[in-house]
Protein backbone atom coordinates (compact mmCIF):
# COMPACT_ATOMS: atom_id res chain seq x y z
CA MET A 1 88.87 131.31 91.46
CA SER A 2 90.62 129.78 88.47
CA LEU A 3 92.83 126.86 87.53
CA HIS A 4 95.98 127.53 85.51
CA ILE A 5 98.29 124.78 84.21
CA GLN A 6 101.50 125.84 82.47
CA ASN A 7 104.19 123.57 80.94
CA LEU A 8 103.23 120.59 83.11
CA THR A 9 105.57 117.64 82.59
CA LEU A 10 105.25 114.26 84.29
CA LYS A 11 107.08 110.96 83.91
CA TYR A 12 106.72 108.13 86.40
CA PRO A 13 109.95 106.77 87.93
CA GLY A 14 111.30 103.90 85.88
CA SER A 15 109.24 104.76 82.83
CA SER A 16 110.66 106.00 79.53
CA ASN A 17 107.36 107.56 78.49
CA PHE A 18 105.99 110.94 79.44
CA VAL A 19 102.45 111.18 80.81
CA PHE A 20 102.49 114.93 80.10
CA GLN A 21 105.08 117.06 78.37
CA ASP A 22 104.69 120.85 78.55
CA LEU A 23 100.91 120.55 78.97
CA SER A 24 99.07 123.86 79.37
CA PHE A 25 95.45 124.97 79.75
CA GLU A 26 93.32 127.30 81.88
CA LEU A 27 89.83 127.11 83.40
CA LYS A 28 88.77 130.55 84.55
CA GLU A 29 85.18 130.14 85.67
CA PRO A 30 83.59 128.04 88.43
CA GLY A 31 81.06 125.40 87.53
CA PHE A 32 81.09 121.96 85.93
CA ASN A 33 84.09 121.35 83.68
CA SER A 34 85.45 118.05 82.39
CA LEU A 35 88.61 116.08 81.76
CA PHE A 36 87.94 113.84 78.77
CA GLY A 37 90.04 111.33 76.88
CA PRO A 38 90.69 107.62 76.36
CA SER A 39 91.96 105.34 79.12
CA GLY A 40 95.67 105.78 79.81
CA VAL A 41 95.90 109.38 78.61
CA GLY A 42 96.53 110.77 82.11
CA LYS A 43 93.16 111.96 83.46
CA THR A 44 93.60 110.37 86.89
CA SER A 45 97.27 111.41 87.05
CA LEU A 46 96.27 115.01 86.40
CA ALA A 47 93.54 114.77 89.04
CA LYS A 48 96.08 113.56 91.61
CA ILE A 49 98.45 116.39 90.71
CA LEU A 50 95.67 118.90 91.31
CA THR A 51 94.92 117.43 94.75
CA GLY A 52 98.61 117.22 95.73
CA ASP A 53 98.79 113.41 95.74
CA ILE A 54 101.41 113.47 92.96
CA ARG A 55 104.28 115.92 93.44
CA HIS A 56 107.08 114.64 91.18
CA PHE A 57 106.31 116.91 88.21
CA SER A 58 107.69 120.07 86.69
CA GLY A 59 105.77 123.08 85.51
CA GLU A 60 103.24 125.41 87.11
CA VAL A 61 99.96 124.39 88.73
CA ASP A 62 98.17 127.47 90.04
CA HIS A 63 94.90 127.04 91.97
CA GLU A 64 94.13 130.75 92.16
CA GLY A 65 91.78 131.31 95.10
CA MET A 66 91.35 127.56 95.74
CA LYS A 67 92.36 126.42 99.22
CA THR A 68 90.84 122.94 99.30
CA SER A 69 90.75 120.38 96.48
CA LEU A 70 89.06 117.00 96.98
CA TYR A 71 89.11 113.85 94.83
CA SER A 72 86.21 111.40 94.59
CA TYR A 73 86.54 108.21 92.53
CA ASN A 74 84.21 105.37 91.67
CA THR A 75 86.14 102.48 93.25
CA GLU A 76 86.37 104.17 96.65
CA ARG A 77 84.80 102.05 99.35
CA LEU A 78 83.77 102.31 103.00
CA PRO A 79 84.32 99.37 105.35
CA GLY A 80 81.69 96.77 104.43
CA TRP A 81 80.31 96.68 107.97
CA SER A 82 79.82 100.44 108.10
CA GLY A 83 76.19 101.54 108.58
CA VAL A 84 75.48 104.15 105.91
CA GLY A 85 73.27 106.50 107.95
CA LYS A 86 75.49 106.47 111.03
CA HIS A 87 78.60 107.05 108.92
CA LEU A 88 77.03 110.05 107.18
CA GLU A 89 75.94 111.51 110.51
CA LYS A 90 79.44 111.06 111.94
CA ILE A 91 81.23 112.88 109.13
CA THR A 92 78.75 115.75 108.71
CA PRO A 93 80.32 119.02 109.94
CA ALA A 94 78.37 121.09 112.44
CA GLY A 95 75.60 123.09 110.80
CA ARG A 96 75.46 120.94 107.66
CA GLN A 97 72.69 118.55 108.76
CA GLU A 98 70.04 120.26 106.65
CA ARG A 99 72.25 120.12 103.56
CA ARG A 100 72.94 116.43 104.28
CA GLU A 101 69.24 115.60 104.37
CA GLU A 102 68.65 117.57 101.17
CA LEU A 103 71.42 115.71 99.35
CA ILE A 104 70.26 112.31 100.62
CA SER A 105 66.88 113.04 99.02
CA ILE A 106 68.42 114.29 95.76
CA PHE A 107 70.64 111.21 95.56
CA GLY A 108 67.68 108.90 96.27
CA LEU A 109 69.37 107.25 99.25
CA GLU A 110 66.65 107.46 101.91
CA ASP A 111 66.09 103.67 101.85
CA SER A 112 69.83 102.94 102.08
CA LEU A 113 70.56 104.65 105.40
CA ARG A 114 69.87 101.59 107.59
CA GLN A 115 71.93 99.26 105.43
CA ARG A 116 75.60 98.39 105.66
CA PHE A 117 77.77 99.69 102.85
CA SER A 118 78.48 96.15 101.63
CA GLN A 119 74.74 95.55 101.13
CA LEU A 120 74.39 98.38 98.62
CA SER A 121 74.51 98.07 94.84
CA LEU A 122 77.53 99.55 93.03
CA GLY A 123 75.47 102.56 91.98
CA GLN A 124 74.30 103.16 95.56
CA GLN A 125 77.86 102.81 96.87
CA ASN A 126 79.11 105.37 94.37
CA ARG A 127 76.34 107.80 95.34
CA VAL A 128 77.20 107.44 99.04
CA ASN A 129 80.88 108.00 98.29
CA LEU A 130 80.20 111.19 96.32
CA LEU A 131 77.67 112.42 98.86
CA ARG A 132 80.30 112.44 101.61
CA TYR A 133 82.43 115.01 99.79
CA LEU A 134 79.57 117.43 99.22
CA PHE A 135 79.18 117.93 102.99
CA GLN A 136 82.75 119.17 103.27
CA ASP A 137 84.46 122.49 102.64
CA PHE A 138 85.97 122.51 99.15
CA ASP A 139 86.79 124.88 96.33
CA LEU A 140 87.49 122.15 93.76
CA LEU A 141 85.88 118.70 93.69
CA ILE A 142 87.20 116.20 91.16
CA MET A 143 84.64 113.51 90.29
CA ASP A 144 86.52 110.61 88.69
CA GLU A 145 83.73 108.42 87.26
CA SER A 146 82.00 109.11 90.58
CA LEU A 147 78.52 108.35 89.19
CA ALA A 148 79.42 105.12 87.39
CA ASN A 149 76.75 102.41 87.65
CA VAL A 150 74.08 105.04 88.36
CA ASP A 151 71.13 105.06 85.95
CA GLU A 152 70.96 107.96 83.51
CA PRO A 153 67.87 109.80 84.91
CA THR A 154 69.26 109.70 88.47
CA ARG A 155 72.71 110.78 87.27
CA GLU A 156 71.22 113.73 85.39
CA LYS A 157 69.12 114.79 88.39
CA ILE A 158 72.17 114.68 90.67
CA ILE A 159 74.40 116.66 88.32
CA LEU A 160 71.82 119.38 87.70
CA ARG A 161 71.04 119.79 91.40
CA ILE A 162 74.75 119.90 92.34
CA LYS A 163 75.22 122.69 89.80
CA THR A 164 72.31 124.60 91.37
CA LEU A 165 73.47 124.10 94.98
CA TYR A 166 77.16 124.93 94.37
CA PRO A 167 77.28 127.63 91.65
CA GLN A 168 80.58 129.14 92.86
CA ARG A 169 82.53 125.90 93.29
CA HIS A 170 84.77 124.28 90.72
CA PHE A 171 84.04 120.71 89.60
CA LEU A 172 86.18 118.57 87.29
CA TYR A 173 84.05 115.75 85.95
CA ILE A 174 85.98 112.78 84.53
CA SER A 175 83.83 110.59 82.31
CA HIS A 176 84.07 108.54 79.10
CA ASN A 177 80.51 109.53 78.19
CA VAL A 178 80.78 112.10 75.38
CA VAL A 179 77.05 112.89 75.49
CA GLU A 180 77.20 113.59 79.21
CA VAL A 181 80.23 115.88 79.20
CA SER A 182 78.93 117.73 76.13
CA LYS A 183 75.56 118.33 77.76
CA PHE A 184 76.44 119.20 81.35
CA CYS A 185 79.91 120.78 81.29
CA ARG A 186 80.91 124.38 80.65
CA GLU A 187 84.33 123.50 79.25
CA ILE A 188 85.75 120.11 78.26
CA VAL A 189 89.53 119.66 78.43
CA VAL A 190 90.28 116.92 75.90
CA LEU A 191 93.54 115.18 76.85
CA ARG A 192 95.26 113.77 73.76
CA GLY A 193 98.50 112.24 75.09
CA ALA A 194 102.07 113.51 75.53
CA GLU A 195 102.98 112.62 71.94
CA ARG A 196 100.24 114.84 70.48
CA HIS A 197 100.54 118.56 69.78
CA PRO A 198 98.70 120.29 71.21
CA GLN A 199 98.25 117.89 74.11
CA THR A 200 94.94 119.48 75.09
CA ILE A 201 92.06 121.06 73.25
CA VAL A 202 89.49 122.94 75.32
CA ILE A 203 85.96 122.79 73.91
CA ARG A 204 82.98 124.82 75.08
CA GLY A 205 80.16 122.58 76.29
CA GLN A 206 76.41 123.22 76.53
CA ASP A 207 76.42 123.66 80.35
CA ALA A 208 72.88 122.33 80.88
CA ARG A 209 71.00 123.62 83.92
CA ILE A 210 67.61 123.01 85.44
CA ASP A 211 66.27 126.25 83.94
CA ARG A 212 68.10 126.09 80.59
CA GLU A 213 66.95 124.33 77.42
CA ILE A 214 69.58 122.53 75.38
CA ASN A 215 69.65 122.96 71.61
CA LYS A 216 70.06 119.48 70.08
CA GLY A 217 71.93 120.82 67.07
CA ARG A 218 74.48 122.59 69.26
CA LEU A 219 74.82 119.49 71.46
CA ASP A 220 75.53 117.36 68.39
CA GLN A 221 78.13 119.90 67.24
CA THR A 222 79.86 119.83 70.63
CA MET A 223 80.01 116.02 70.57
CA LEU A 224 81.49 116.11 67.07
CA GLU A 225 84.15 118.60 68.17
CA ILE A 226 85.12 116.38 71.12
CA VAL A 227 85.32 113.25 68.96
CA ASN A 228 87.44 115.06 66.37
CA ALA A 229 89.75 116.45 69.06
CA SER A 230 90.18 112.99 70.56
CA SER A 231 90.96 111.24 67.27
């Protein structure tokens, strides 16, 4: 499975400015990859193109071998009265109960199951939102700031375990945290804006895993490359 973008051009109706203009890049391998760039550069717009929520664009978007693309974002909310445990049970496909219980433990949500969604902290709400997508069938899961408001040790544990549990799935991780994307992602697509040439620079990340040590010098070099590409 791979993701191929060729000459993608997007302008919103009524706007004189392009979001993308002949944007091209390719992600060939499954795993954790990232969309990185400042606010307003088009990360969410690109995510919605990949999931089919935006269709008024020109160019080629080829999800080779990918049948199902899902989009998780950090402001997504369940009805406030919804009981967390009952909701998760209701949406779990047949045969996925064991995986659900495993993920609940990884996400540290055991004590949240009897609460209503509105009673949870923002970090707990974001973990519940992301958790729901991992039960489903998907080839590509876009995580748009999905772990915002989650403390760093918990966020790291979740990311590393997701990478272990889903080694053949594609993930696009949208985050403003340069340390995080440098450490955990295989490739980082730096979006630079339609007025920049090239509009994207793809940087190789350190792709941290549970069983892989990260070299601090290489991590620092990756962060420097991302900052330079963004500037």
